Amino acid sequence: MIVTTTPSVEGRNIREYRGIVFGEVVAGVNFLKDIGAALRNVFGGRSKGYEEELTRARDESLAEMAQRAAAMGADAVVGVKMDYEVLGTGNDMLMVTCSGTAVKLD
């Protein structure tokens, strides 16, 4: 499955638009990662735990979107956009969403 942020796939023609597809992941960040991030906030540096969680959520969101496109008979997803939000009363949930257009290629 080709997944791209561009509106087309170089060297290929879009034969048919199958529809908009989404991938969504809502992930909780555990207590230990919160402690590590709080320490990084005080002393500086990158929060590896949060970065790993963000990477995992992004990858899962893209994979879910590609699976939904494949179920529609698409060969590619074009025009992909991604968004990140924090949710929950204590901002303790991370939401990653992506969307694009599922297409059939020649």
PDB file of N, CA and C in Angstrom:
ATOM      1  N   MET A   1       0.859  -1.181   0.000  1.00  0.00           N
ATOM      2  CA  MET A   1       0.000   0.000   0.000  1.00  0.00           C
ATOM      3  C   MET A   1       0.898   1.234   0.000  1.00  0.00           C
ATOM      4  N   ILE A   2       0.689   2.098  -0.981  1.00  0.00           N
ATOM      5  CA  ILE A   2       1.412   3.360  -1.054  1.00  0.00           C
ATOM      6  C   ILE A   2       0.654   4.373  -0.203  1.00  0.00           C
ATOM      7  N   VAL A   3       1.355   5.032   0.697  1.00  0.00           N
ATOM      8  CA  VAL A   3       0.761   6.066   1.544  1.00  0.00           C
ATOM      9  C   VAL A   3       1.627   7.308   1.392  1.00  0.00           C
ATOM     10  N   THR A   4       1.010   8.401   0.937  1.00  0.00           N
ATOM     11  CA  THR A   4       1.784   9.605   0.663  1.00  0.00           C
ATOM     12  C   THR A   4       1.016  10.871   1.022  1.00  0.00           C
ATOM     13  N   THR A   5       1.770  11.904   1.365  1.00  0.00           N
ATOM     14  CA  THR A   5       1.155  13.202   1.662  1.00  0.00           C
ATOM     15  C   THR A   5       0.881  13.996   0.391  1.00  0.00           C
ATOM     16  N   THR A   6       1.428  13.554  -0.715  1.00  0.00           N
ATOM     17  CA  THR A   6       1.218  14.259  -1.977  1.00  0.00           C
ATOM     18  C   THR A   6      -0.153  13.917  -2.556  1.00  0.00           C
ATOM     19  N   PRO A   7      -0.674  14.763  -3.464  1.00  0.00           N
ATOM     20  CA  PRO A   7      -2.007  14.506  -4.019  1.00  0.00           C
ATOM     21  C   PRO A   7      -2.022  13.446  -5.118  1.00  0.00           C
ATOM     22  N   SER A   8      -0.849  12.937  -5.473  1.00  0.00           N
ATOM     23  CA  SER A   8      -0.772  11.926  -6.524  1.00  0.00           C
ATOM     24  C   SER A   8       0.413  11.016  -6.237  1.00  0.00           C
ATOM     25  N   VAL A   9       0.536   9.966  -7.056  1.00  0.00           N
ATOM     26  CA  VAL A   9       1.662   9.042  -6.955  1.00  0.00           C
ATOM     27  C   VAL A   9       2.470   9.208  -8.236  1.00  0.00           C
ATOM     28  N   GLU A  10       3.705   9.617  -8.100  1.00  0.00           N
ATOM     29  CA  GLU A  10       4.545   9.881  -9.271  1.00  0.00           C
ATOM     30  C   GLU A  10       4.621   8.657 -10.184  1.00  0.00           C
ATOM     31  N   GLY A  11       4.394   8.905 -11.486  1.00  0.00           N
ATOM     32  CA  GLY A  11       4.479   7.837 -12.469  1.00  0.00           C
ATOM     33  C   GLY A  11       3.250   6.949 -12.557  1.00  0.00           C
ATOM     34  N   ARG A  12       2.233   7.227 -11.755  1.00  0.00           N
ATOM     35  CA  ARG A  12       1.005   6.425 -11.770  1.00  0.00           C
ATOM     36  C   ARG A  12      -0.192   7.346 -11.937  1.00  0.00           C
ATOM     37  N   ASN A  13      -1.218   6.855 -12.588  1.00  0.00           N
ATOM     38  CA  ASN A  13      -2.459   7.609 -12.765  1.00  0.00           C
ATOM     39  C   ASN A  13      -3.500   7.120 -11.780  1.00  0.00           C
ATOM     40  N   ILE A  14      -4.230   8.050 -11.208  1.00  0.00           N
ATOM     41  CA  ILE A  14      -5.353   7.679 -10.340  1.00  0.00           C
ATOM     42  C   ILE A  14      -6.533   7.349 -11.246  1.00  0.00           C
ATOM     43  N   ARG A  15      -6.988   6.112 -11.167  1.00  0.00           N
ATOM     44  CA  ARG A  15      -8.102   5.638 -11.997  1.00  0.00           C
ATOM     45  C   ARG A  15      -9.443   5.865 -11.306  1.00  0.00           C
ATOM     46  N   GLU A  16      -9.437   5.725  -9.972  1.00  0.00           N
ATOM     47  CA  GLU A  16     -10.708   5.783  -9.245  1.00  0.00           C
ATOM     48  C   GLU A  16     -10.461   6.237  -7.812  1.00  0.00           C
ATOM     49  N   TYR A  17     -11.358   7.091  -7.338  1.00  0.00           N
ATOM     50  CA  TYR A  17     -11.327   7.513  -5.941  1.00  0.00           C
ATOM     51  C   TYR A  17     -12.281   6.625  -5.166  1.00  0.00           C
ATOM     52  N   ARG A  18     -11.785   5.983  -4.114  1.00  0.00           N
ATOM     53  CA  ARG A  18     -12.612   5.054  -3.335  1.00  0.00           C
ATOM     54  C   ARG A  18     -13.240   5.703  -2.111  1.00  0.00           C
ATOM     55  N   GLY A  19     -12.697   6.819  -1.668  1.00  0.00           N
ATOM     56  CA  GLY A  19     -13.274   7.510  -0.518  1.00  0.00           C
ATOM     57  C   GLY A  19     -12.219   7.921   0.499  1.00  0.00           C
ATOM     58  N   ILE A  20     -12.664   8.648   1.484  1.00  0.00           N
ATOM     59  CA  ILE A  20     -11.778   9.117   2.555  1.00  0.00           C
ATOM     60  C   ILE A  20     -11.627   8.001   3.578  1.00  0.00           C
ATOM     61  N   VAL A  21     -10.394   7.817   4.028  1.00  0.00           N
ATOM     62  CA  VAL A  21     -10.110   6.812   5.053  1.00  0.00           C
ATOM     63  C   VAL A  21      -9.422   7.484   6.238  1.00  0.00           C
ATOM     64  N   PHE A  22      -9.630   6.899   7.403  1.00  0.00           N
ATOM     65  CA  PHE A  22      -9.074   7.443   8.646  1.00  0.00           C
ATOM     66  C   PHE A  22      -8.347   6.357   9.422  1.00  0.00           C
ATOM     67  N   GLY A  23      -7.432   6.771  10.240  1.00  0.00           N
ATOM     68  CA  GLY A  23      -6.804   5.924  11.242  1.00  0.00           C
ATOM     69  C   GLY A  23      -6.772   6.719  12.535  1.00  0.00           C
ATOM     70  N   GLU A  24      -7.223   6.124  13.610  1.00  0.00           N
ATOM     71  CA  GLU A  24      -7.259   6.827  14.898  1.00  0.00           C
ATOM     72  C   GLU A  24      -6.675   5.937  15.993  1.00  0.00           C
ATOM     73  N   VAL A  25      -5.862   6.542  16.829  1.00  0.00           N
ATOM     74  CA  VAL A  25      -5.328   5.835  17.987  1.00  0.00           C
ATOM     75  C   VAL A  25      -5.415   6.777  19.179  1.00  0.00           C
ATOM     76  N   VAL A  26      -6.003   6.290  20.262  1.00  0.00           N
ATOM     77  CA  VAL A  26      -6.007   7.027  21.526  1.00  0.00           C
ATOM     78  C   VAL A  26      -5.225   6.172  22.508  1.00  0.00           C
ATOM     79  N   ALA A  27      -4.145   6.731  23.022  1.00  0.00           N
ATOM     80  CA  ALA A  27      -3.248   5.972  23.883  1.00  0.00           C
ATOM     81  C   ALA A  27      -3.070   6.681  25.220  1.00  0.00           C
ATOM     82  N   GLY A  28      -3.111   5.906  26.274  1.00  0.00           N
ATOM     83  CA  GLY A  28      -2.812   6.437  27.594  1.00  0.00           C
ATOM     84  C   GLY A  28      -1.312   6.396  27.823  1.00  0.00           C
ATOM     85  N   VAL A  29      -0.822   7.387  28.511  1.00  0.00           N
ATOM     86  CA  VAL A  29       0.594   7.421  28.862  1.00  0.00           C
ATOM     87  C   VAL A  29       0.683   6.994  30.324  1.00  0.00           C
ATOM     88  N   ASN A  30       1.515   5.990  30.577  1.00  0.00           N
ATOM     89  CA  ASN A  30       1.522   5.420  31.921  1.00  0.00           C
ATOM     90  C   ASN A  30       2.227   6.304  32.939  1.00  0.00           C
ATOM     91  N   PHE A  31       2.042   5.969  34.184  1.00  0.00           N
ATOM     92  CA  PHE A  31       2.531   6.738  35.328  1.00  0.00           C
ATOM     93  C   PHE A  31       4.048   6.921  35.298  1.00  0.00           C
ATOM     94  N   LEU A  32       4.796   5.880  34.964  1.00  0.00           N
ATOM     95  CA  LEU A  32       6.259   5.982  34.952  1.00  0.00           C
ATOM     96  C   LEU A  32       6.746   6.938  33.868  1.00  0.00           C
ATOM     97  N   LYS A  33       6.102   6.924  32.714  1.00  0.00           N
ATOM     98  CA  LYS A  33       6.479   7.864  31.662  1.00  0.00           C
ATOM     99  C   LYS A  33       6.167   9.295  32.082  1.00  0.00           C
ATOM    100  N   ASP A  34       5.061   9.479  32.832  1.00  0.00           N
ATOM    101  CA  ASP A  34       4.723  10.809  33.336  1.00  0.00           C
ATOM    102  C   ASP A  34       5.809  11.325  34.285  1.00  0.00           C
ATOM    103  N   ILE A  35       6.304  10.458  35.148  1.00  0.00           N
ATOM    104  CA  ILE A  35       7.357  10.863  36.083  1.00  0.00           C
ATOM    105  C   ILE A  35       8.623  11.241  35.319  1.00  0.00           C
ATOM    106  N   GLY A  36       8.999  10.405  34.358  1.00  0.00           N
ATOM    107  CA  GLY A  36      10.184  10.692  33.553  1.00  0.00           C
ATOM    108  C   GLY A  36      10.053  12.007  32.799  1.00  0.00           C
ATOM    109  N   ALA A  37       8.873  12.277  32.251  1.00  0.00           N
ATOM    110  CA  ALA A  37       8.649  13.515  31.510  1.00  0.00           C
ATOM    111  C   ALA A  37       8.700  14.714  32.445  1.00  0.00           C
ATOM    112  N   ALA A  38       8.160  14.563  33.639  1.00  0.00           N
ATOM    113  CA  ALA A  38       8.194  15.663  34.608  1.00  0.00           C
ATOM    114  C   ALA A  38       9.633  16.006  34.986  1.00  0.00           C
ATOM    115  N   LEU A  39      10.462  14.987  35.164  1.00  0.00           N
ATOM    116  CA  LEU A  39      11.875  15.239  35.477  1.00  0.00           C
ATOM    117  C   LEU A  39      12.577  15.921  34.310  1.00  0.00           C
ATOM    118  N   ARG A  40      12.283  15.502  33.101  1.00  0.00           N
ATOM    119  CA  ARG A  40      12.887  16.141  31.922  1.00  0.00           C
ATOM    120  C   ARG A  40      12.447  17.597  31.825  1.00  0.00           C
ATOM    121  N   ASN A  41      11.218  17.868  32.215  1.00  0.00           N
ATOM    122  CA  ASN A  41      10.705  19.223  32.176  1.00  0.00           C
ATOM    123  C   ASN A  41      11.478  20.124  33.138  1.00  0.00           C
ATOM    124  N   VAL A  42      11.864  19.574  34.287  1.00  0.00           N
ATOM    125  CA  VAL A  42      12.612  20.346  35.283  1.00  0.00           C
ATOM    126  C   VAL A  42      14.078  20.476  34.888  1.00  0.00           C
ATOM    127  N   PHE A  43      14.697  19.368  34.495  1.00  0.00           N
ATOM    128  CA  PHE A  43      16.140  19.343  34.255  1.00  0.00           C
ATOM    129  C   PHE A  43      16.526  19.495  32.785  1.00  0.00           C
ATOM    130  N   GLY A  44      15.572  19.444  31.906  1.00  0.00           N
ATOM    131  CA  GLY A  44      15.860  19.560  30.482  1.00  0.00           C
ATOM    132  C   GLY A  44      16.079  18.212  29.837  1.00  0.00           C
ATOM    133  N   GLY A  45      16.100  18.192  28.533  1.00  0.00           N
ATOM    134  CA  GLY A  45      16.318  16.956  27.794  1.00  0.00           C
ATOM    135  C   GLY A  45      15.044  16.458  27.155  1.00  0.00           C
ATOM    136  N   ARG A  46      15.199  15.413  26.390  1.00  0.00           N
ATOM    137  CA  ARG A  46      14.081  14.826  25.663  1.00  0.00           C
ATOM    138  C   ARG A  46      13.439  13.723  26.488  1.00  0.00           C
ATOM    139  N   SER A  47      12.138  13.566  26.323  1.00  0.00           N
ATOM    140  CA  SER A  47      11.405  12.519  27.020  1.00  0.00           C
ATOM    141  C   SER A  47      11.291  11.303  26.107  1.00  0.00           C
ATOM    142  N   LYS A  48      12.207  10.369  26.262  1.00  0.00           N
ATOM    143  CA  LYS A  48      12.235   9.187  25.402  1.00  0.00           C
ATOM    144  C   LYS A  48      10.937   8.380  25.511  1.00  0.00           C
ATOM    145  N   GLY A  49      10.396   8.265  26.713  1.00  0.00           N
ATOM    146  CA  GLY A  49       9.151   7.508  26.903  1.00  0.00           C
ATOM    147  C   GLY A  49       8.003   8.097  26.101  1.00  0.00           C
ATOM    148  N   TYR A  50       7.837   9.413  26.136  1.00  0.00           N
ATOM    149  CA  TYR A  50       6.776  10.060  25.369  1.00  0.00           C
ATOM    150  C   TYR A  50       7.042   9.956  23.877  1.00  0.00           C
ATOM    151  N   GLU A  51       8.304  10.125  23.474  1.00  0.00           N
ATOM    152  CA  GLU A  51       8.643  10.023  22.059  1.00  0.00           C
ATOM    153  C   GLU A  51       8.334   8.628  21.521  1.00  0.00           C
ATOM    154  N   GLU A  52       8.639   7.604  22.295  1.00  0.00           N
ATOM    155  CA  GLU A  52       8.341   6.231  21.874  1.00  0.00           C
ATOM    156  C   GLU A  52       6.842   6.015  21.757  1.00  0.00           C
ATOM    157  N   GLU A  53       6.087   6.541  22.702  1.00  0.00           N
ATOM    158  CA  GLU A  53       4.625   6.402  22.666  1.00  0.00           C
ATOM    159  C   GLU A  53       4.046   7.131  21.461  1.00  0.00           C
ATOM    160  N   LEU A  54       4.568   8.307  21.172  1.00  0.00           N
ATOM    161  CA  LEU A  54       4.107   9.074  20.020  1.00  0.00           C
ATOM    162  C   LEU A  54       4.415   8.334  18.718  1.00  0.00           C
ATOM    163  N   THR A  55       5.601   7.784  18.598  1.00  0.00           N
ATOM    164  CA  THR A  55       5.988   7.026  17.407  1.00  0.00           C
ATOM    165  C   THR A  55       5.097   5.807  17.233  1.00  0.00           C
ATOM    166  N   ARG A  56       4.848   5.081  18.325  1.00  0.00           N
ATOM    167  CA  ARG A  56       3.992   3.891  18.259  1.00  0.00           C
ATOM    168  C   ARG A  56       2.579   4.270  17.817  1.00  0.00           C
ATOM    169  N   ALA A  57       2.025   5.331  18.410  1.00  0.00           N
ATOM    170  CA  ALA A  57       0.663   5.759  18.062  1.00  0.00           C
ATOM    171  C   ALA A  57       0.587   6.217  16.605  1.00  0.00           C
ATOM    172  N   ARG A  58       1.603   6.922  16.138  1.00  0.00           N
ATOM    173  CA  ARG A  58       1.624   7.374  14.742  1.00  0.00           C
ATOM    174  C   ARG A  58       1.667   6.184  13.792  1.00  0.00           C
ATOM    175  N   ASP A  59       2.547   5.228  14.073  1.00  0.00           N
ATOM    176  CA  ASP A  59       2.662   4.043  13.221  1.00  0.00           C
ATOM    177  C   ASP A  59       1.368   3.238  13.196  1.00  0.00           C
ATOM    178  N   GLU A  60       0.730   3.088  14.342  1.00  0.00           N
ATOM    179  CA  GLU A  60      -0.532   2.338  14.408  1.00  0.00           C
ATOM    180  C   GLU A  60      -1.644   3.064  13.655  1.00  0.00           C
ATOM    181  N   SER A  61      -1.669   4.377  13.751  1.00  0.00           N
ATOM    182  CA  SER A  61      -2.687   5.158  13.055  1.00  0.00           C
ATOM    183  C   SER A  61      -2.537   5.017  11.540  1.00  0.00           C
ATOM    184  N   LEU A  62      -1.299   5.106  11.041  1.00  0.00           N
ATOM    185  CA  LEU A  62      -1.055   4.945   9.610  1.00  0.00           C
ATOM    186  C   LEU A  62      -1.402   3.526   9.144  1.00  0.00           C
ATOM    187  N   ALA A  63      -1.053   2.535   9.945  1.00  0.00           N
ATOM    188  CA  ALA A  63      -1.346   1.140   9.589  1.00  0.00           C
ATOM    189  C   ALA A  63      -2.851   0.900   9.547  1.00  0.00           C
ATOM    190  N   GLU A  64      -3.577   1.462  10.503  1.00  0.00           N
ATOM    191  CA  GLU A  64      -5.037   1.306  10.524  1.00  0.00           C
ATOM    192  C   GLU A  64      -5.664   1.950   9.290  1.00  0.00           C
ATOM    193  N   MET A  65      -5.197   3.129   8.918  1.00  0.00           N
ATOM    194  CA  MET A  65      -5.716   3.806   7.739  1.00  0.00           C
ATOM    195  C   MET A  65      -5.440   2.979   6.478  1.00  0.00           C
ATOM    196  N   ALA A  66      -4.234   2.433   6.359  1.00  0.00           N
ATOM    197  CA  ALA A  66      -3.875   1.608   5.199  1.00  0.00           C
ATOM    198  C   ALA A  66      -4.738   0.349   5.133  1.00  0.00           C
ATOM    199  N   GLN A  67      -5.017  -0.260   6.288  1.00  0.00           N
ATOM    200  CA  GLN A  67      -5.873  -1.449   6.317  1.00  0.00           C
ATOM    201  C   GLN A  67      -7.281  -1.116   5.840  1.00  0.00           C
ATOM    202  N   ARG A  68      -7.797   0.017   6.265  1.00  0.00           N
ATOM    203  CA  ARG A  68      -9.143   0.422   5.839  1.00  0.00           C
ATOM    204  C   ARG A  68      -9.170   0.706   4.330  1.00  0.00           C
ATOM    205  N   ALA A  69      -8.102   1.301   3.811  1.00  0.00           N
ATOM    206  CA  ALA A  69      -8.018   1.553   2.372  1.00  0.00           C
ATOM    207  C   ALA A  69      -7.963   0.229   1.595  1.00  0.00           C
ATOM    208  N   ALA A  70      -7.184  -0.713   2.085  1.00  0.00           N
ATOM    209  CA  ALA A  70      -7.085  -2.025   1.430  1.00  0.00           C
ATOM    210  C   ALA A  70      -8.441  -2.721   1.415  1.00  0.00           C
ATOM    211  N   ALA A  71      -9.200  -2.590   2.506  1.00  0.00           N
ATOM    212  CA  ALA A  71     -10.531  -3.201   2.576  1.00  0.00           C
ATOM    213  C   ALA A  71     -11.483  -2.587   1.545  1.00  0.00           C
ATOM    214  N   MET A  72     -11.184  -1.364   1.099  1.00  0.00           N
ATOM    215  CA  MET A  72     -11.994  -0.696   0.076  1.00  0.00           C
ATOM    216  C   MET A  72     -11.488  -1.025  -1.328  1.00  0.00           C
ATOM    217  N   GLY A  73     -10.441  -1.832  -1.422  1.00  0.00           N
ATOM    218  CA  GLY A  73      -9.878  -2.195  -2.715  1.00  0.00           C
ATOM    219  C   GLY A  73      -8.917  -1.173  -3.278  1.00  0.00           C
ATOM    220  N   ALA A  74      -8.398  -0.295  -2.447  1.00  0.00           N
ATOM    221  CA  ALA A  74      -7.489   0.762  -2.904  1.00  0.00           C
ATOM    222  C   ALA A  74      -6.064   0.234  -3.041  1.00  0.00           C
ATOM    223  N   ASP A  75      -5.304   0.906  -3.898  1.00  0.00           N
ATOM    224  CA  ASP A  75      -3.875   0.624  -4.077  1.00  0.00           C
ATOM    225  C   ASP A  75      -3.008   1.614  -3.323  1.00  0.00           C
ATOM    226  N   ALA A  76      -3.588   2.784  -2.993  1.00  0.00           N
ATOM    227  CA  ALA A  76      -2.804   3.847  -2.364  1.00  0.00           C
ATOM    228  C   ALA A  76      -3.715   4.755  -1.563  1.00  0.00           C
ATOM    229  N   VAL A  77      -3.094   5.530  -0.685  1.00  0.00           N
ATOM    230  CA  VAL A  77      -3.778   6.600   0.033  1.00  0.00           C
ATOM    231  C   VAL A  77      -2.984   7.866  -0.251  1.00  0.00           C
ATOM    232  N   VAL A  78      -3.646   8.863  -0.828  1.00  0.00           N
ATOM    233  CA  VAL A  78      -2.977  10.112  -1.172  1.00  0.00           C
ATOM    234  C   VAL A  78      -3.504  11.257  -0.305  1.00  0.00           C
ATOM    235  N   GLY A  79      -2.723  12.337  -0.261  1.00  0.00           N
ATOM    236  CA  GLY A  79      -3.148  13.523   0.489  1.00  0.00           C
ATOM    237  C   GLY A  79      -3.250  13.289   1.981  1.00  0.00           C
ATOM    238  N   VAL A  80      -2.366  12.463   2.524  1.00  0.00           N
ATOM    239  CA  VAL A  80      -2.450  12.104   3.944  1.00  0.00           C
ATOM    240  C   VAL A  80      -2.113  13.298   4.831  1.00  0.00           C
ATOM    241  N   LYS A  81      -2.939  13.486   5.834  1.00  0.00           N
ATOM    242  CA  LYS A  81      -2.719  14.507   6.861  1.00  0.00           C
ATOM    243  C   LYS A  81      -2.740  13.820   8.215  1.00  0.00           C
ATOM    244  N   MET A  82      -1.965  14.356   9.155  1.00  0.00           N
ATOM    245  CA  MET A  82      -1.885  13.762  10.484  1.00  0.00           C
ATOM    246  C   MET A  82      -2.089  14.850  11.529  1.00  0.00           C
ATOM    247  N   ASP A  83      -2.748  14.476  12.629  1.00  0.00           N
ATOM    248  CA  ASP A  83      -3.021  15.429  13.700  1.00  0.00           C
ATOM    249  C   ASP A  83      -2.771  14.763  15.041  1.00  0.00           C
ATOM    250  N   TYR A  84      -2.311  15.553  15.996  1.00  0.00           N
ATOM    251  CA  TYR A  84      -2.026  15.078  17.348  1.00  0.00           C
ATOM    252  C   TYR A  84      -2.798  15.939  18.343  1.00  0.00           C
ATOM    253  N   GLU A  85      -3.400  15.295  19.334  1.00  0.00           N
ATOM    254  CA  GLU A  85      -4.138  16.006  20.376  1.00  0.00           C
ATOM    255  C   GLU A  85      -3.886  15.323  21.717  1.00  0.00           C
ATOM    256  N   VAL A  86      -4.058  16.073  22.794  1.00  0.00           N
ATOM    257  CA  VAL A  86      -4.067  15.469  24.123  1.00  0.00           C
ATOM    258  C   VAL A  86      -5.490  15.538  24.648  1.00  0.00           C
ATOM    259  N   LEU A  87      -5.905  14.479  25.327  1.00  0.00           N
ATOM    260  CA  LEU A  87      -7.270  14.346  25.823  1.00  0.00           C
ATOM    261  C   LEU A  87      -7.259  13.975  27.290  1.00  0.00           C
ATOM    262  N   GLY A  88      -8.410  13.981  27.870  1.00  0.00           N
ATOM    263  CA  GLY A  88      -8.577  13.537  29.248  1.00  0.00           C
ATOM    264  C   GLY A  88      -8.532  14.703  30.221  1.00  0.00           C
ATOM    265  N   THR A  89      -9.050  14.455  31.401  1.00  0.00           N
ATOM    266  CA  THR A  89      -9.110  15.516  32.408  1.00  0.00           C
ATOM    267  C   THR A  89      -7.729  15.993  32.826  1.00  0.00           C
ATOM    268  N   GLY A  90      -6.759  15.122  32.815  1.00  0.00           N
ATOM    269  CA  GLY A  90      -5.404  15.506  33.182  1.00  0.00           C
ATOM    270  C   GLY A  90      -4.468  15.548  31.985  1.00  0.00           C
ATOM    271  N   ASN A  91      -5.038  15.649  30.786  1.00  0.00           N
ATOM    272  CA  ASN A  91      -4.238  15.601  29.554  1.00  0.00           C
ATOM    273  C   ASN A  91      -3.333  14.377  29.528  1.00  0.00           C
ATOM    274  N   ASP A  92      -3.881  13.234  29.966  1.00  0.00           N
ATOM    275  CA  ASP A  92      -3.076  12.028  30.101  1.00  0.00           C
ATOM    276  C   ASP A  92      -3.306  11.018  28.975  1.00  0.00           C
ATOM    277  N   MET A  93      -4.030  11.452  27.944  1.00  0.00           N
ATOM    278  CA  MET A  93      -4.278  10.591  26.794  1.00  0.00           C
ATOM    279  C   MET A  93      -3.772  11.303  25.543  1.00  0.00           C
ATOM    280  N   LEU A  94      -3.166  10.532  24.668  1.00  0.00           N
ATOM    281  CA  LEU A  94      -2.654  11.059  23.415  1.00  0.00           C
ATOM    282  C   LEU A  94      -3.508  10.504  22.283  1.00  0.00           C
ATOM    283  N   MET A  95      -3.996  11.383  21.408  1.00  0.00           N
ATOM    284  CA  MET A  95      -4.769  10.943  20.256  1.00  0.00           C
ATOM    285  C   MET A  95      -4.010  11.318  18.990  1.00  0.00           C
ATOM    286  N   VAL A  96      -3.809  10.341  18.136  1.00  0.00           N
ATOM    287  CA  VAL A  96      -3.183  10.565  16.839  1.00  0.00           C
ATOM    288  C   VAL A  96      -4.189  10.125  15.778  1.00  0.00           C
ATOM    289  N   THR A  97      -4.493  11.027  14.859  1.00  0.00           N
ATOM    290  CA  THR A  97      -5.406  10.695  13.773  1.00  0.00           C
ATOM    291  C   THR A  97      -4.733  11.013  12.440  1.00  0.00           C
ATOM    292  N   CYS A  98      -5.063  10.227  11.443  1.00  0.00           N
ATOM    293  CA  CYS A  98      -4.602  10.528  10.098  1.00  0.00           C
ATOM    294  C   CYS A  98      -5.756  10.274   9.147  1.00  0.00           C
ATOM    295  N   SER A  99      -5.725  10.977   8.035  1.00  0.00           N
ATOM    296  CA  SER A  99      -6.763  10.806   7.030  1.00  0.00           C
ATOM    297  C   SER A  99      -6.149  11.014   5.652  1.00  0.00           C
ATOM    298  N   GLY A 100      -6.787  10.429   4.677  1.00  0.00           N
ATOM    299  CA  GLY A 100      -6.352  10.574   3.296  1.00  0.00           C
ATOM    300  C   GLY A 100      -7.420  10.042   2.380  1.00  0.00           C
ATOM    301  N   THR A 101      -7.136  10.066   1.094  1.00  0.00           N
ATOM    302  CA  THR A 101      -8.072   9.580   0.092  1.00  0.00           C
ATOM    303  C   THR A 101      -7.579   8.251  -0.469  1.00  0.00           C
ATOM    304  N   ALA A 102      -8.408   7.237  -0.346  1.00  0.00           N
ATOM    305  CA  ALA A 102      -8.091   5.912  -0.886  1.00  0.00           C
ATOM    306  C   ALA A 102      -8.351   5.940  -2.384  1.00  0.00           C
ATOM    307  N   VAL A 103      -7.361   5.490  -3.162  1.00  0.00           N
ATOM    308  CA  VAL A 103      -7.472   5.523  -4.607  1.00  0.00           C
ATOM    309  C   VAL A 103      -7.053   4.204  -5.234  1.00  0.00           C
ATOM    310  N   LYS A 104      -7.578   3.970  -6.418  1.00  0.00           N
ATOM    311  CA  LYS A 104      -7.169   2.835  -7.254  1.00  0.00           C
ATOM    312  C   LYS A 104      -6.277   3.403  -8.342  1.00  0.00           C
ATOM    313  N   LEU A 105      -5.131   2.785  -8.566  1.00  0.00           N
ATOM    314  CA  LEU A 105      -4.163   3.266  -9.552  1.00  0.00           C
ATOM    315  C   LEU A 105      -4.185   2.414 -10.809  1.00  0.00           C
ATOM    316  N   ASP A 106      -3.763   3.016 -11.927  1.00  0.00           N
ATOM    317  CA  ASP A 106      -3.552   2.265 -13.169  1.00  0.00           C
ATOM    318  C   ASP A 106      -2.266   1.484 -13.073  1.00  0.00           C
TER     319      ASP A 106
END
